[in-house]
Amino acid sequence: MQEVLSKTDDSKIPLRDQEFYELLLYDSDFSGTPVFCVREAHAAWSEVDGQIMWDKKQVRAFATCQGAEEHYAARRRALAQEGFIYSDMEM
């Protein structure tokens, strides 16, 4: 599952005034043992690069899918409290 969250759904707002978070839930195979991961990345305008740049990438690994899903939901709630309430996923 992959989702991009933003503070607005207005496509007319210039990119330099927008900010995004991506949440990604995926499974992996670490040394033959299944691992469930949640990756979070932040994107914002970079004046130096003249474009949106992704940074602050963090990956958390969990032994169970349920653990990863709970962390994903908790991060989604925390980001919503910060104003990131618009999702590119249909709920």
Protein backbone atom coordinates (compact mmCIF):
# COMPACT_ATOMS: atom_id res chain seq x y z
CA MET A 1 0.00 0.00 0.00
CA GLN A 2 1.32 3.42 -0.97
CA GLU A 3 -0.22 6.78 -0.12
CA VAL A 4 0.76 10.42 -0.57
CA LEU A 5 -0.67 12.89 1.94
CA SER A 6 -0.86 16.66 1.55
CA LYS A 7 -2.37 19.67 3.26
CA THR A 8 -4.41 20.69 0.21
CA ASP A 9 -6.21 19.14 -2.70
CA ASP A 10 -6.14 22.39 -4.70
CA SER A 11 -4.04 21.72 -7.80
CA LYS A 12 -3.76 25.47 -8.50
CA ILE A 13 -1.46 26.08 -5.51
CA PRO A 14 2.15 26.46 -6.71
CA LEU A 15 4.44 23.53 -5.90
CA ARG A 16 6.73 25.79 -3.86
CA ASP A 17 3.83 26.28 -1.42
CA GLN A 18 3.08 22.58 -1.01
CA GLU A 19 4.44 19.81 1.19
CA PHE A 20 3.86 16.06 1.08
CA TYR A 21 4.40 12.86 3.03
CA GLU A 22 4.50 9.43 1.45
CA LEU A 23 3.64 6.33 3.47
CA LEU A 24 4.48 2.95 1.99
CA LEU A 25 3.64 -0.42 3.51
CA TYR A 26 5.45 -3.37 1.94
CA ASP A 27 6.83 -6.79 2.73
CA SER A 28 10.43 -7.81 2.28
CA ASP A 29 12.59 -10.86 2.74
CA PHE A 30 15.45 -10.21 5.14
CA SER A 31 17.86 -13.15 5.31
CA GLY A 32 15.06 -15.57 4.48
CA THR A 33 12.75 -14.18 7.15
CA PRO A 34 9.68 -12.20 6.06
CA VAL A 35 9.71 -8.61 7.31
CA PHE A 36 6.95 -6.03 7.01
CA CYS A 37 8.09 -2.45 6.51
CA VAL A 38 6.66 1.04 6.69
CA ARG A 39 8.59 3.72 4.83
CA GLU A 40 7.87 7.39 5.42
CA ALA A 41 9.31 10.17 3.26
CA HIS A 42 8.79 13.92 3.27
CA ALA A 43 8.75 16.18 0.20
CA ALA A 44 8.96 19.96 -0.02
CA TRP A 45 10.15 22.64 -2.40
CA SER A 46 13.89 23.16 -2.61
CA GLU A 47 14.94 26.65 -3.66
CA VAL A 48 18.45 25.37 -4.40
CA ASP A 49 17.24 22.61 -6.76
CA GLY A 50 14.19 24.46 -8.10
CA GLN A 51 11.92 21.47 -7.60
CA ILE A 52 10.19 19.26 -5.05
CA MET A 53 12.77 17.11 -3.26
CA TRP A 54 12.16 14.02 -1.12
CA ASP A 55 14.00 13.83 2.20
CA LYS A 56 13.70 12.47 5.75
CA LYS A 57 13.20 8.91 4.51
CA GLN A 58 12.67 6.52 7.40
CA VAL A 59 11.98 2.80 7.31
CA ARG A 60 10.61 0.82 10.24
CA ALA A 61 10.57 -2.99 10.09
CA PHE A 62 8.13 -5.27 11.89
CA ALA A 63 7.95 -9.02 12.39
CA THR A 64 4.22 -9.10 11.67
CA CYS A 65 1.98 -7.50 9.09
CA GLN A 66 -0.33 -6.40 11.90
CA GLY A 67 2.50 -4.51 13.59
CA ALA A 68 3.33 -2.72 10.34
CA GLU A 69 -0.33 -1.89 9.69
CA GLU A 70 -0.72 -0.47 13.21
CA HIS A 71 2.38 1.71 12.77
CA TYR A 72 1.15 2.88 9.34
CA ALA A 73 -2.23 3.85 10.85
CA ALA A 74 -0.55 5.64 13.78
CA ARG A 75 1.72 7.65 11.44
CA ARG A 76 -1.26 8.49 9.24
CA ARG A 77 -3.18 9.81 12.28
CA ALA A 78 -0.16 11.83 13.46
CA LEU A 79 0.29 13.38 10.02
CA ALA A 80 -3.44 14.21 9.88
CA GLN A 81 -3.04 16.07 13.18
CA GLU A 82 -0.31 18.11 11.47
CA GLY A 83 -2.76 19.00 8.68
CA PHE A 84 -1.89 16.33 6.10
CA ILE A 85 -5.49 15.24 5.59
CA TYR A 86 -5.71 14.85 1.81
CA SER A 87 -4.79 11.48 0.34
CA ASP A 88 -4.18 10.33 -3.21
CA MET A 89 -5.92 7.04 -2.30
CA GLU A 90 -9.64 6.58 -2.50
CA MET A 91 -10.95 5.47 0.86
